[in-house]
Protein backbone atom coordinates (compact mmCIF):
# COMPACT_ATOMS: atom_id res chain seq x y z
CA MET A 1 -0.09 0.12 0.04
CA GLU A 2 1.53 3.69 -1.12
CA VAL A 3 1.53 5.70 1.86
CA MET A 4 0.08 9.42 0.77
CA ILE A 5 -0.71 11.05 4.05
CA GLU A 6 1.98 11.22 6.66
CA THR A 7 -0.52 12.48 9.79
CA CYS A 8 -4.00 12.43 8.67
CA CYS A 9 -7.28 11.63 11.06
CA GLY A 10 -10.58 9.18 10.66
CA ILE A 11 -13.52 10.34 12.94
CA ASP A 12 -16.45 8.28 13.84
CA VAL A 13 -19.05 10.90 14.92
CA HIS A 14 -21.99 9.82 16.78
CA GLN A 15 -24.57 12.18 18.81
CA LYS A 16 -23.13 12.43 22.07
CA THR A 17 -19.44 11.79 21.20
CA ILE A 18 -16.91 11.30 18.28
CA VAL A 19 -13.80 8.99 18.08
CA CYS A 20 -10.73 10.08 16.36
CA CYS A 21 -8.33 7.61 14.97
CA VAL A 22 -5.13 9.47 14.34
CA LEU A 23 -2.30 7.35 11.68
CA ASP A 24 1.31 8.85 11.71
CA GLY A 25 3.71 7.55 9.89
CA PRO A 26 6.75 8.78 7.19
CA LEU A 27 5.81 8.12 3.65
CA ASP A 28 8.18 4.86 3.85
CA THR A 29 6.09 2.68 5.91
CA ASN A 30 3.70 0.78 5.82
CA LYS A 31 2.97 0.24 9.75
CA PRO A 32 2.03 4.34 11.01
CA LYS A 33 1.79 4.48 14.29
CA LYS A 34 -2.14 4.47 15.60
CA SER A 35 -3.78 6.31 18.77
CA TYR A 36 -7.31 7.67 18.80
CA LYS A 37 -8.99 9.30 21.39
CA ILE A 38 -13.16 10.06 22.32
CA PHE A 39 -14.29 13.10 22.39
CA GLY A 40 -17.59 14.56 23.66
CA THR A 41 -19.97 16.69 21.21
CA ARG A 42 -20.53 19.65 23.13
CA THR A 43 -19.09 22.62 21.74
CA SER A 44 -16.25 22.60 24.52
CA GLU A 45 -15.33 19.02 24.15
CA LEU A 46 -15.20 19.79 20.44
CA ARG A 47 -12.53 22.41 20.81
CA LYS A 48 -10.45 20.47 23.13
CA ALA A 49 -10.64 17.74 20.50
CA LEU A 50 -9.97 20.33 18.16
CA GLU A 51 -6.37 21.15 20.23
CA TRP A 52 -6.02 17.63 20.60
CA LEU A 53 -5.16 17.62 16.16
CA VAL A 54 -3.83 20.24 16.28
CA GLU A 55 -0.75 18.81 19.00
CA ASN A 56 -1.08 15.67 16.94
CA GLU A 57 0.25 17.72 13.54
CA VAL A 58 -2.84 16.53 11.36
CA THR A 59 -3.33 17.66 8.34
CA ASP A 60 -5.87 15.48 7.22
CA ILE A 61 -9.29 14.70 8.39
CA PHE A 62 -11.91 11.98 7.37
CA MET A 63 -15.76 11.70 8.62
CA GLU A 64 -18.68 10.38 7.14
CA SER A 65 -21.38 13.00 6.24
CA THR A 66 -24.31 10.96 7.09
CA GLY A 67 -27.26 12.28 9.19
CA GLN A 68 -26.13 15.39 10.90
CA TYR A 69 -24.25 15.15 13.52
CA TRP A 70 -21.09 15.85 11.37
CA VAL A 71 -22.40 19.21 10.90
CA PRO A 72 -20.91 20.95 14.22
CA VAL A 73 -17.97 18.84 14.16
CA PHE A 74 -17.10 19.90 10.91
CA ASN A 75 -17.90 23.74 11.76
CA ILE A 76 -15.92 23.60 14.60
CA PHE A 77 -12.63 21.80 12.99
CA SER A 78 -13.02 24.25 9.93
CA GLU A 79 -11.38 26.46 12.54
CA GLY A 80 -7.72 24.01 12.12
CA ASN A 81 -5.83 24.39 9.09
CA PHE A 82 -6.69 20.88 7.69
CA ASN A 83 -7.91 19.53 4.71
CA MET A 84 -11.16 18.08 5.54
CA VAL A 85 -12.45 15.08 3.34
CA LEU A 86 -16.35 14.06 3.77
CA ALA A 87 -17.50 11.02 2.65
CA ASN A 88 -20.97 9.66 1.67
CA PRO A 89 -22.31 6.61 0.23
CA GLU A 90 -24.84 6.75 -2.79
CA PRO A 91 -28.51 7.76 -1.62
CA GLU A 92 -29.47 3.99 -2.72
CA VAL A 93 -26.95 2.26 -0.63
CA MET A 94 -28.21 4.24 2.47
CA GLU A 95 -31.46 3.46 1.90
CA LEU A 96 -30.47 -0.23 2.29
CA ARG A 97 -28.43 0.11 4.83
CA LEU A 98 -31.24 1.98 6.96
CA MET A 99 -33.43 -0.84 6.14
CA THR A 100 -30.74 -4.54 7.31
CA ARG A 101 -29.87 -2.28 10.07
CA ARG A 102 -33.39 -2.29 11.43
CA ARG A 103 -33.86 -5.84 10.31
CA LEU A 104 -31.16 -6.35 13.15
CA SER A 105 -32.48 -4.23 15.61
CA TYR A 106 -35.57 -6.11 15.28
CA THR A 107 -33.75 -9.78 15.33
CA GLN A 108 -31.86 -8.95 18.13
CA LYS A 109 -35.41 -7.68 19.96
CA ARG A 110 -36.78 -11.10 18.83
CA THR A 111 -33.99 -12.94 20.67
CA GLN A 112 -34.40 -10.88 23.93
CA SER A 113 -38.03 -12.23 23.98
CA LYS A 114 -36.95 -15.43 23.33
CA ASN A 115 -34.99 -15.54 25.90
CA GLU A 116 -37.39 -14.17 28.66
CA LEU A 117 -39.53 -16.77 27.32
CA HIS A 118 -37.46 -19.62 27.72
CA ASN A 119 -36.33 -18.65 31.65
CA ILE A 120 -40.17 -18.75 32.46
CA LEU A 121 -40.06 -22.09 31.39
CA GLN A 122 -36.73 -23.39 32.95
CA ARG A 123 -38.16 -21.82 36.92
CA SER A 124 -41.30 -23.10 36.59
CA ASN A 125 -39.68 -26.39 35.32
CA ILE A 126 -41.73 -27.03 32.11
CA LYS A 127 -39.67 -29.17 30.00
CA LEU A 128 -41.15 -28.38 26.42
CA THR A 129 -38.07 -27.80 24.57
CA SER A 130 -36.81 -31.80 25.71
CA TYR A 131 -39.13 -32.87 22.84
CA LEU A 132 -39.93 -30.17 20.55
CA SER A 133 -36.76 -28.96 18.64
CA ASN A 134 -38.48 -25.29 17.47
CA ILE A 135 -40.59 -24.04 20.86
CA PHE A 136 -41.92 -21.34 18.69
CA GLY A 137 -43.23 -22.98 15.57
CA LYS A 138 -46.71 -23.84 15.19
CA THR A 139 -46.86 -26.69 18.09
CA GLY A 140 -44.85 -24.92 20.40
CA GLN A 141 -47.21 -21.48 20.24
CA ALA A 142 -50.20 -23.33 20.81
CA LEU A 143 -49.16 -25.13 23.72
CA LEU A 144 -47.45 -22.21 25.25
CA GLN A 145 -51.35 -20.79 24.71
CA LEU A 146 -52.34 -23.52 27.11
CA PHE A 147 -50.37 -21.88 29.51
CA ILE A 148 -51.03 -18.43 29.10
CA THR A 149 -55.01 -19.18 29.02
CA GLY A 150 -55.18 -20.83 32.39
CA GLU A 151 -57.16 -23.83 30.72
CA VAL A 152 -56.69 -26.94 32.52
CA LEU A 153 -54.29 -29.76 31.23
CA THR A 154 -55.23 -33.32 29.76
CA LEU A 155 -54.53 -35.58 26.99
CA GLU A 156 -56.61 -34.28 24.90
CA SER A 157 -56.35 -30.69 25.00
CA VAL A 158 -52.30 -31.29 24.53
CA GLU A 159 -52.78 -33.82 21.89
CA ALA A 160 -54.95 -31.10 20.06
CA CYS A 161 -52.02 -28.74 20.08
CA LEU A 162 -49.37 -31.14 18.10
CA HIS A 163 -48.59 -30.80 14.39
CA ALA A 164 -48.24 -34.34 12.57
CA ARG A 165 -44.57 -34.10 12.41
CA VAL A 166 -43.75 -34.09 16.06
CA ARG A 167 -42.33 -36.69 17.06
CA ALA A 168 -42.36 -36.96 20.59
CA SER A 169 -45.77 -38.93 21.77
CA THR A 170 -48.82 -36.99 23.38
CA LYS A 171 -47.69 -38.37 27.30
CA ASP A 172 -44.09 -37.59 27.22
CA ILE A 173 -45.42 -33.81 26.17
CA PHE A 174 -47.92 -34.12 28.60
CA GLN A 175 -45.50 -35.20 31.76
CA ALA A 176 -42.98 -32.24 30.03
CA MET A 177 -45.97 -29.47 30.44
CA ASP A 178 -46.11 -30.76 34.28
CA GLY A 179 -44.47 -27.75 35.46
CA LYS A 180 -45.50 -24.67 38.62
CA ILE A 181 -46.14 -21.64 36.80
CA SER A 182 -47.16 -18.80 38.78
CA LEU A 183 -50.22 -16.15 37.50
CA THR A 184 -47.03 -13.79 37.45
CA ASP A 185 -45.40 -15.87 35.14
CA ARG A 186 -48.24 -16.68 32.96
CA ARG A 187 -48.88 -12.69 32.21
CA LEU A 188 -45.09 -12.48 31.45
CA LEU A 189 -45.20 -15.41 29.28
CA ASP A 190 -47.89 -14.12 27.49
CA ASP A 191 -46.23 -10.80 27.15
CA SER A 192 -43.18 -12.51 25.94
CA LEU A 193 -45.15 -14.26 23.09
CA ASP A 194 -46.66 -11.46 22.36
CA GLU A 195 -43.24 -9.85 21.35
CA TYR A 196 -41.63 -12.90 19.65
CA GLN A 197 -44.85 -12.58 17.54
CA PHE A 198 -44.95 -8.93 16.72
CA TYR A 199 -41.43 -8.65 15.98
CA THR A 200 -41.68 -12.16 13.51
CA ARG A 201 -44.18 -9.77 11.60
CA LYS A 202 -41.97 -7.05 11.60
CA ILE A 203 -38.73 -9.07 10.21
CA LYS A 204 -40.79 -10.83 7.22
CA LYS A 205 -42.21 -7.29 6.33
CA ILE A 206 -38.73 -5.75 6.37
CA GLU A 207 -37.27 -8.34 4.45
CA HIS A 208 -39.98 -8.18 1.85
CA ASP A 209 -39.06 -4.83 1.67
CA ILE A 210 -35.77 -5.12 1.80
CA GLU A 211 -35.88 -7.96 -1.12
CA GLN A 212 -37.87 -5.59 -3.62
CA TYR A 213 -35.36 -2.88 -2.74
CA ILE A 214 -32.46 -5.04 -3.98
CA LEU A 215 -34.42 -5.95 -7.13
CA SER A 216 -35.22 -2.51 -8.25
CA HIS A 217 -31.41 -0.55 -7.48
CA PHE A 218 -28.57 -4.13 -7.16
CA PRO A 219 -30.34 -7.11 -9.17
CA LEU A 220 -27.53 -7.97 -10.75
CA GLU A 221 -24.68 -7.63 -7.77
CA TYR A 222 -27.19 -9.42 -5.91
CA GLU A 223 -27.58 -12.36 -8.30
CA LEU A 224 -23.61 -12.67 -8.66
CA LEU A 225 -23.24 -12.57 -4.76
CA GLN A 226 -25.43 -15.37 -3.94
CA SER A 227 -23.09 -17.49 -6.46
CA ILE A 228 -20.82 -17.46 -3.82
CA PRO A 229 -20.81 -20.46 -1.25
CA GLY A 230 -22.36 -19.40 1.91
CA VAL A 231 -23.94 -15.99 0.94
CA LYS A 232 -27.58 -16.34 1.06
CA GLN A 233 -29.76 -13.39 0.17
CA HIS A 234 -29.90 -11.74 4.01
CA SER A 235 -26.03 -12.00 3.93
CA ALA A 236 -26.28 -10.94 0.36
CA ALA A 237 -28.02 -7.67 1.27
CA ILE A 238 -25.99 -6.86 4.13
CA ILE A 239 -22.61 -6.83 1.79
CA LEU A 240 -24.44 -4.84 -0.56
CA ALA A 241 -25.66 -2.49 2.09
CA GLU A 242 -22.50 -1.91 3.91
CA ILE A 243 -19.93 -2.20 0.80
CA GLY A 244 -22.09 -0.49 -1.99
CA PRO A 245 -22.66 -2.68 -5.63
CA SER A 246 -19.02 -1.67 -6.52
CA ILE A 247 -15.66 -1.58 -4.75
CA GLU A 248 -14.66 2.03 -6.15
CA ALA A 249 -13.55 3.20 -2.36
CA PHE A 250 -11.11 0.43 -2.03
CA ARG A 251 -8.06 0.38 -3.91
CA THR A 252 -7.07 -3.48 -3.05
CA ALA A 253 -8.85 -6.06 -1.36
CA SER A 254 -6.54 -5.53 1.56
CA HIS A 255 -7.83 -1.86 2.11
CA LEU A 256 -11.37 -3.72 1.93
CA ALA A 257 -10.54 -6.68 4.74
CA SER A 258 -8.66 -3.99 6.61
CA TRP A 259 -12.18 -1.99 6.55
CA ALA A 260 -14.45 -4.88 7.47
CA GLY A 261 -11.98 -6.18 9.99
CA LEU A 262 -10.96 -9.28 8.66
CA SER A 263 -7.60 -8.32 8.08
CA PRO A 264 -5.10 -10.74 10.93
CA GLY A 265 -3.35 -8.36 12.99
CA SER A 266 -0.19 -10.65 12.83
CA TYR A 267 3.39 -9.49 13.11
CA GLU A 268 6.90 -10.78 13.91
CA SER A 269 9.45 -9.25 15.70
CA ALA A 270 13.14 -11.16 15.91
CA GLY A 271 11.41 -14.32 14.28
CA LYS A 272 8.73 -13.97 17.42
CA LYS A 273 4.89 -13.64 16.00
CA LYS A 274 3.20 -11.36 18.41
CA SER A 275 -0.50 -11.13 17.84
CA SER A 276 -2.41 -12.61 15.08
CA ARG A 277 -6.42 -10.86 15.98
CA VAL A 278 -8.38 -10.12 13.28
CA THR A 279 -8.52 -6.34 13.18
CA ARG A 280 -11.99 -3.90 14.42
CA GLY A 281 -13.96 -3.15 11.68
CA ASN A 282 -17.27 -2.62 10.01
CA LYS A 283 -19.18 -4.52 12.70
CA TYR A 284 -22.43 -5.48 10.65
CA LEU A 285 -20.38 -6.91 7.42
CA LYS A 286 -18.19 -8.20 9.69
CA THR A 287 -20.56 -10.64 11.42
CA ALA A 288 -22.48 -11.33 8.01
CA LEU A 289 -19.05 -12.80 6.52
CA ILE A 290 -18.34 -14.45 9.70
CA THR A 291 -21.53 -16.17 9.24
CA SER A 292 -21.35 -16.77 5.47
CA GLY A 293 -17.51 -17.90 5.97
CA GLY A 294 -18.78 -20.78 8.61
CA MET A 295 -21.47 -22.12 5.54
CA ALA A 296 -19.04 -22.22 3.03
CA GLY A 297 -16.43 -23.93 5.21
CA ARG A 298 -18.70 -26.36 5.94
CA SER A 299 -20.19 -26.79 1.69
CA ARG A 300 -19.16 -29.04 -0.43
CA ASP A 301 -17.12 -26.30 -2.47
CA PRO A 302 -13.65 -27.28 -2.65
CA ALA A 303 -11.90 -24.08 -2.34
CA PHE A 304 -13.69 -23.51 1.37
CA LYS A 305 -13.53 -27.29 2.59
CA LEU A 306 -10.28 -27.44 1.95
CA LEU A 307 -9.47 -24.04 3.67
CA TYR A 308 -11.29 -24.72 6.41
CA HIS A 309 -10.49 -28.34 7.18
CA ARG A 310 -6.39 -27.20 7.03
CA VAL A 311 -6.83 -24.03 9.20
CA SER A 312 -9.31 -25.62 11.53
CA ASN A 313 -6.70 -28.92 11.90
CA ARG A 314 -4.04 -26.83 13.23
CA GLY A 315 -5.97 -24.04 15.35
CA THR A 316 -9.38 -23.98 15.94
CA LYS A 317 -12.99 -23.96 14.29
CA MET A 318 -13.28 -20.25 14.83
CA LYS A 319 -10.22 -19.45 13.38
CA ALA A 320 -11.26 -21.66 10.29
CA VAL A 321 -14.38 -19.70 9.87
CA VAL A 322 -12.84 -16.22 9.79
CA ALA A 323 -10.34 -17.72 7.49
CA CYS A 324 -13.26 -18.43 5.10
CA GLY A 325 -14.59 -14.70 6.00
CA HIS A 326 -11.40 -13.41 4.67
CA LYS A 327 -11.63 -15.04 1.68
CA LEU A 328 -14.94 -14.75 0.92
CA LEU A 329 -14.19 -10.99 1.29
CA ARG A 330 -11.12 -11.10 -1.32
CA ILE A 331 -13.91 -13.10 -3.81
CA ILE A 332 -16.29 -10.07 -3.16
CA TYR A 333 -14.22 -7.66 -4.12
CA LYS A 334 -13.05 -9.61 -7.21
CA ILE A 335 -16.86 -10.26 -8.44
CA LEU A 336 -18.13 -6.80 -7.54
CA GLY A 337 -15.50 -4.99 -9.62
CA ASP A 338 -15.31 -7.25 -12.53
CA LYS A 339 -19.04 -7.94 -12.30
CA VAL A 340 -18.67 -11.58 -12.92
CA GLN A 341 -20.20 -15.04 -11.40
CA TYR A 342 -18.65 -17.22 -9.18
CA ASP A 343 -15.36 -19.50 -10.53
CA GLU A 344 -15.07 -22.64 -8.50
CA LYS A 345 -12.15 -23.43 -10.14
CA ARG A 346 -10.75 -19.90 -9.91
CA ALA A 347 -11.19 -19.83 -6.19
CA LEU A 348 -9.72 -23.04 -5.23
CA GLY A 349 -6.17 -22.03 -6.90
CA LEU A 350 -3.72 -23.86 -8.10
CA TRP A 351 -2.06 -25.21 -4.88
CA GLN A 352 -5.29 -26.36 -3.73
CA GLN A 353 -6.39 -27.30 -6.44
CA LYS A 354 -3.25 -29.90 -6.37
CA LEU A 355 -4.78 -31.43 -2.73
CA ALA A 356 -8.12 -31.95 -4.13
CA LEU A 357 -6.61 -34.28 -6.34
CA ASN A 358 -4.95 -35.84 -3.89
């Protein structure tokens, strides 16, 4: 990577705080010194941030001009002698990003309601989860309603709730429901189940909206991304929302990996390895890639299958998943850059092709 600026600062702007990260080093190094500091967003606090940037001899400042929180920061920092660059994704990408991040918020809230419901069943000694693979399926929710309504449990009332695919016997499920649940827990159970159903409807609707939006704006890229092993509709939507339909903002795949937080942070000193942790980065993209990386590593695709087993055999399964996520990102860089389908043979590489033949 060619270094163009000796001392620059990237700023992550929030409502109450800003995070200033300064990179400092001569043009002939690829390992600049990194330092960061968090400041408040009141005027006096922004002026302290300005002083800190001046003390560190920062020449260039970069921040994202989304929302409205950047405006007062820009106004204060414009008092300094900086070259200020505002980066802003395309409006279509920002709209998609808002929807995918809202979907994540709904998912997290639904998960919280599920955990609360499980806690109620646990303290009431109700063992339904031992016999139902998904307590939030049609059968599970019907059985939970029996507790909520306070109906006296009988073999007949339990059997009326069972779906044909349930393997456990009516008697086993009836006995598993023989717990002690208080009136308060019945009410809380009703609340938790209602929240679960509410957010399930929200998720279903926003997923439909996301799908339709992508098909209207990024249909080609959406299709190309889903040709990659492990990348399904949900992950493809997040990739487009966080990266965009092109990779023009990233000069190399390594730049993209660093931004995503999937670049190995390893280095050596005197022949000794100091660290192998991945870097921080875009948490939304990073999570999606690690999830897809795990799916790709366990798939039948030889490129990812070989990588997953090679890394997991000498390290851990989590390291193998991260390695697959990193490989995915490099492939995504190529596919979005050239607008081509995933090529299994090309992804395998010459060395891996020999291993596959053996």
